């Protein structure tokens, strides 16, 4: 396997207007020597036409489409087409912060005990200002199970799952993102947390765009029967993984 980090991006109508900025944030990344990136863009349903918004002469961009299944199904389909040893999430309406890919690669290359990384997030508002994501953990190692303990108490993740970078073997073990209408990235985070320690970087790794078209603005996102069902399954999934994994031995492949 080559020294490639794969960025996976689902895209549908509302996020398409921002995808050019997402590309620029990837293209500006400086990687360690011998490393390259590929960008697997997955159109969620027909009629998206992401290619019309992106350069046609950059061979690192790979665009495909699949039947409409929501962003988490699309992410998993993008993962299925990827080739990198590490897999980085990036939504079409967000932007990577400078240096984040190099930091993710450095941690996962030097710490075989760590299965996944996350980083600090700034919310990007419509007027261009930014706001910090509250409640970040201390930088460094995130012990296995620590994120579940926080989520169980607060019903929200302590770190932002939109910043995840994961070892390929660990992501394959979990089958990608949970196929939920929302919160599938939270489900993945807690699944990773059940199987392997993570790492939190205090440097900003993502600008998370806040806009009216994102799925987090839907009334069912934080309340109601759908929310209850999502949270119940996410918890059951995490608890089952914790039980089946047994002891604290990391399940990551040492790459």
Protein backbone atom coordinates (compact mmCIF):
# COMPACT_ATOMS: atom_id res chain seq x y z
CA UNK A 1 0.00 0.00 0.00
CA UNK A 2 1.39 3.38 -1.01
CA UNK A 3 1.86 6.26 1.43
CA UNK A 4 -1.49 7.81 0.63
CA UNK A 5 -4.00 9.52 2.87
CA UNK A 6 -7.52 9.34 1.47
CA UNK A 7 -9.98 12.17 2.04
CA UNK A 8 -13.61 11.05 1.69
CA UNK A 9 -16.38 13.53 0.99
CA UNK A 10 -20.11 12.98 0.51
CA UNK A 11 -21.90 15.67 -1.45
CA UNK A 12 -25.50 16.50 -2.24
CA UNK A 13 -27.30 19.69 -3.30
CA UNK A 14 -26.86 22.10 -0.36
CA UNK A 15 -23.16 21.36 0.13
CA UNK A 16 -22.20 21.65 -3.53
CA UNK A 17 -21.90 25.45 -3.42
CA UNK A 18 -18.97 25.16 -0.99
CA UNK A 19 -17.05 22.25 -2.52
CA UNK A 20 -14.55 24.46 -4.36
CA UNK A 21 -13.42 25.89 -1.01
CA UNK A 22 -13.09 22.36 0.35
CA UNK A 23 -10.82 21.47 -2.57
CA UNK A 24 -8.65 24.53 -2.05
CA UNK A 25 -8.18 23.61 1.60
CA UNK A 26 -6.97 20.13 0.59
CA UNK A 27 -4.74 21.37 -2.21
CA UNK A 28 -3.01 23.77 0.20
CA UNK A 29 -1.95 20.95 2.57
CA UNK A 30 1.79 20.27 2.92
CA UNK A 31 2.45 16.55 3.45
CA UNK A 32 5.51 14.75 4.82
CA UNK A 33 8.04 13.51 2.27
CA UNK A 34 6.87 10.48 0.31
CA UNK A 35 3.18 11.05 1.09
CA UNK A 36 0.36 12.01 -1.26
CA UNK A 37 -3.38 12.51 -0.95
CA UNK A 38 -6.38 11.37 -2.93
CA UNK A 39 -9.84 12.86 -2.70
CA UNK A 40 -12.79 10.48 -3.10
CA UNK A 41 -15.92 12.53 -3.68
CA UNK A 42 -19.19 10.59 -3.52
CA UNK A 43 -22.31 12.13 -5.03
CA UNK A 44 -25.31 11.14 -2.91
CA UNK A 45 -27.96 10.54 -5.56
CA UNK A 46 -28.45 11.68 -9.13
CA UNK A 47 -28.02 15.16 -10.57
CA UNK A 48 -25.31 16.45 -8.22
CA UNK A 49 -22.57 17.06 -10.86
CA UNK A 50 -19.67 17.79 -8.50
CA UNK A 51 -17.29 17.59 -11.46
CA UNK A 52 -18.65 20.90 -12.77
CA UNK A 53 -17.32 22.63 -9.63
CA UNK A 54 -13.88 20.99 -9.49
CA UNK A 55 -10.71 20.99 -11.61
CA UNK A 56 -10.74 18.48 -14.45
CA UNK A 57 -6.94 18.21 -14.62
CA UNK A 58 -6.17 17.05 -11.05
CA UNK A 59 -5.72 13.25 -11.10
CA UNK A 60 -5.95 13.11 -7.31
CA UNK A 61 -9.70 13.82 -7.46
CA UNK A 62 -11.95 10.77 -7.91
CA UNK A 63 -15.68 11.42 -8.30
CA UNK A 64 -18.42 8.81 -8.37
CA UNK A 65 -22.11 8.60 -7.51
CA UNK A 66 -24.41 6.15 -5.80
CA UNK A 67 -28.10 5.86 -5.00
CA UNK A 68 -29.33 8.38 -2.44
CA UNK A 69 -28.62 6.95 0.99
CA UNK A 70 -27.65 9.98 3.05
CA UNK A 71 -24.22 11.36 3.91
CA UNK A 72 -23.00 8.44 6.01
CA UNK A 73 -23.78 5.85 3.34
CA UNK A 74 -22.07 8.11 0.80
CA UNK A 75 -18.98 8.40 3.04
CA UNK A 76 -18.79 4.65 3.28
CA UNK A 77 -19.07 4.32 -0.49
CA UNK A 78 -16.25 6.84 -0.89
CA UNK A 79 -14.19 4.79 1.56
CA UNK A 80 -14.89 1.68 -0.54
CA UNK A 81 -13.24 3.41 -3.53
CA UNK A 82 -10.27 4.75 -1.61
CA UNK A 83 -6.76 3.27 -1.44
CA UNK A 84 -4.98 5.13 1.38
CA UNK A 85 -3.65 3.59 4.58
CA UNK A 86 -5.29 6.43 6.54
CA UNK A 87 -8.79 7.79 5.82
CA UNK A 88 -9.77 11.38 6.59
CA UNK A 89 -13.31 12.70 6.67
CA UNK A 90 -14.17 16.07 5.09
CA UNK A 91 -17.68 17.27 4.41
CA UNK A 92 -18.24 19.20 1.18
CA UNK A 93 -19.21 22.37 3.04
CA UNK A 94 -16.22 22.38 5.44
CA UNK A 95 -12.55 23.31 5.08
CA UNK A 96 -9.40 21.64 6.36
CA UNK A 97 -7.16 23.89 8.43
CA UNK A 98 -3.52 24.26 7.33
CA UNK A 99 -1.25 21.44 8.44
CA UNK A 100 -3.93 19.04 9.67
CA UNK A 101 -3.11 16.18 7.29
CA UNK A 102 0.58 16.31 8.22
CA UNK A 103 -0.33 16.22 11.91
CA UNK A 104 -2.67 13.26 11.44
CA UNK A 105 -0.03 11.36 9.48
CA UNK A 106 2.66 12.14 12.07
CA UNK A 107 0.59 10.76 14.95
CA UNK A 108 -0.61 7.60 13.22
CA UNK A 109 2.85 6.87 11.80
CA UNK A 110 4.67 7.29 15.11
CA UNK A 111 2.08 5.87 17.54
CA UNK A 112 1.04 2.32 16.58
CA UNK A 113 -1.15 2.17 19.69
CA UNK A 114 -3.35 5.01 18.39
CA UNK A 115 -6.13 4.04 15.99
CA UNK A 116 -7.63 7.41 15.13
CA UNK A 117 -7.13 11.14 15.50
CA UNK A 118 -9.33 14.18 16.01
CA UNK A 119 -8.59 17.87 16.40
CA UNK A 120 -9.91 21.22 17.50
CA UNK A 121 -12.77 22.71 15.45
CA UNK A 122 -13.85 26.25 14.74
CA UNK A 123 -17.42 26.89 13.61
CA UNK A 124 -17.38 29.01 10.45
CA UNK A 125 -20.28 31.46 10.42
CA UNK A 126 -22.01 33.07 7.43
CA UNK A 127 -20.22 36.38 8.01
CA UNK A 128 -16.78 34.70 7.96
CA UNK A 129 -16.22 34.86 11.72
CA UNK A 130 -15.34 31.74 13.71
CA UNK A 131 -16.43 30.34 17.06
CA UNK A 132 -14.70 27.71 19.17
CA UNK A 133 -16.19 24.28 19.87
CA UNK A 134 -16.62 24.10 23.66
CA UNK A 135 -15.39 21.32 25.94
CA UNK A 136 -12.25 20.07 24.20
CA UNK A 137 -10.27 17.42 26.09
CA UNK A 138 -6.62 17.80 27.03
CA UNK A 139 -4.37 17.36 23.98
CA UNK A 140 -2.72 14.02 23.42
CA UNK A 141 -3.82 10.46 24.05
CA UNK A 142 -7.54 9.71 24.41
CA UNK A 143 -7.73 6.47 26.40
CA UNK A 144 -9.96 3.76 25.05
CA UNK A 145 -13.49 4.27 26.39
CA UNK A 146 -13.03 7.89 27.43
CA UNK A 147 -15.25 9.30 24.70
CA UNK A 148 -18.05 6.88 25.52
CA UNK A 149 -17.96 7.95 29.17
CA UNK A 150 -18.35 11.60 28.12
CA UNK A 151 -21.09 10.83 25.60
CA UNK A 152 -23.05 8.70 28.06
CA UNK A 153 -23.18 11.61 30.49
CA UNK A 154 -23.73 14.51 28.04
CA UNK A 155 -25.34 12.78 25.03
CA UNK A 156 -22.90 14.54 22.72
CA UNK A 157 -19.33 13.65 21.74
CA UNK A 158 -16.45 15.38 23.48
CA UNK A 159 -14.49 15.63 20.23
CA UNK A 160 -15.91 16.57 16.84
CA UNK A 161 -16.41 13.44 14.67
CA UNK A 162 -16.15 15.56 11.49
CA UNK A 163 -12.38 15.74 12.16
CA UNK A 164 -11.73 11.99 12.26
CA UNK A 165 -8.71 10.43 10.58
CA UNK A 166 -8.68 6.64 10.92
CA UNK A 167 -6.41 3.71 10.17
CA UNK A 168 -7.86 1.89 7.19
CA UNK A 169 -7.95 -1.53 8.88
CA UNK A 170 -9.87 -0.15 11.85
CA UNK A 171 -12.41 1.65 9.66
CA UNK A 172 -12.89 -1.54 7.61
CA UNK A 173 -13.44 -3.52 10.79
CA UNK A 174 -16.35 -1.23 11.67
CA UNK A 175 -17.75 -1.27 8.13
CA UNK A 176 -17.39 2.49 7.70
CA UNK A 177 -19.93 4.97 9.05
CA UNK A 178 -23.18 3.92 10.70
CA UNK A 179 -26.01 4.00 8.13
CA UNK A 180 -28.20 6.50 9.98
CA UNK A 181 -30.01 9.60 8.65
CA UNK A 182 -27.81 11.64 11.00
CA UNK A 183 -25.22 11.03 13.76
CA UNK A 184 -23.54 8.22 11.81
CA UNK A 185 -20.20 9.94 12.44
CA UNK A 186 -20.89 9.97 16.18
CA UNK A 187 -21.65 6.25 15.94
CA UNK A 188 -18.32 5.71 14.19
CA UNK A 189 -16.47 7.76 16.80
CA UNK A 190 -17.88 5.71 19.67
CA UNK A 191 -17.15 2.50 17.77
CA UNK A 192 -13.53 3.55 17.32
CA UNK A 193 -13.37 4.58 20.96
CA UNK A 194 -14.53 1.09 21.97
CA UNK A 195 -11.72 -0.59 20.06
CA UNK A 196 -8.63 1.63 20.22
CA UNK A 197 -7.19 4.75 21.86
CA UNK A 198 -7.40 8.01 19.93
CA UNK A 199 -5.46 11.25 19.82
CA UNK A 200 -6.63 14.86 20.15
CA UNK A 201 -4.69 17.72 18.58
CA UNK A 202 -5.17 21.14 20.14
CA UNK A 203 -4.33 22.87 16.84
CA UNK A 204 -7.39 23.73 14.77
CA UNK A 205 -7.96 21.00 12.19
CA UNK A 206 -11.29 21.97 10.66
CA UNK A 207 -13.47 24.95 9.86
CA UNK A 208 -16.99 23.61 10.31
CA UNK A 209 -19.40 25.67 8.26
CA UNK A 210 -22.73 26.61 9.79
CA UNK A 211 -25.45 27.19 7.18
CA UNK A 212 -29.16 26.67 6.66
CA UNK A 213 -28.79 23.71 4.31
CA UNK A 214 -26.91 21.34 6.62
CA UNK A 215 -28.66 18.29 8.04
CA UNK A 216 -27.98 19.39 11.63
CA UNK A 217 -30.60 22.14 11.22
CA UNK A 218 -33.42 19.60 10.78
CA UNK A 219 -35.90 19.55 13.72
CA UNK A 220 -35.38 15.79 14.15
CA UNK A 221 -31.65 16.15 14.62
CA UNK A 222 -31.70 16.76 18.39
CA UNK A 223 -35.14 15.69 19.59
CA UNK A 224 -38.03 13.34 18.90
CA UNK A 225 -38.47 9.65 18.15
CA UNK A 226 -35.83 9.56 15.41
CA UNK A 227 -33.24 11.12 17.73
CA UNK A 228 -34.13 8.64 20.47
CA UNK A 229 -33.75 5.72 18.08
CA UNK A 230 -30.41 6.98 16.76
CA UNK A 231 -29.00 7.50 20.24
CA UNK A 232 -30.26 4.10 21.39
CA UNK A 233 -28.61 2.28 18.50
CA UNK A 234 -25.36 4.24 18.83
CA UNK A 235 -25.20 3.28 22.49
CA UNK A 236 -26.05 -0.35 21.87
CA UNK A 237 -23.42 -0.52 19.11
CA UNK A 238 -20.72 0.95 21.36
CA UNK A 239 -21.60 -1.24 24.34
CA UNK A 240 -21.59 -4.38 22.17
CA UNK A 241 -18.19 -3.52 20.70
CA UNK A 242 -16.77 -2.86 24.16
CA UNK A 243 -18.05 -6.23 25.35
CA UNK A 244 -16.83 -8.21 22.34
CA UNK A 245 -13.40 -6.56 22.25
CA UNK A 246 -12.71 -7.81 25.77
CA UNK A 247 -9.46 -6.44 27.19
CA UNK A 248 -7.68 -3.15 26.50
CA UNK A 249 -5.46 -4.55 23.73
CA UNK A 250 -5.50 -2.28 20.69
CA UNK A 251 -7.10 -3.80 17.59
CA UNK A 252 -5.30 -1.49 15.19
CA UNK A 253 -3.03 -2.89 12.55
CA UNK A 254 0.46 -1.54 13.06
CA UNK A 255 1.13 0.51 9.96
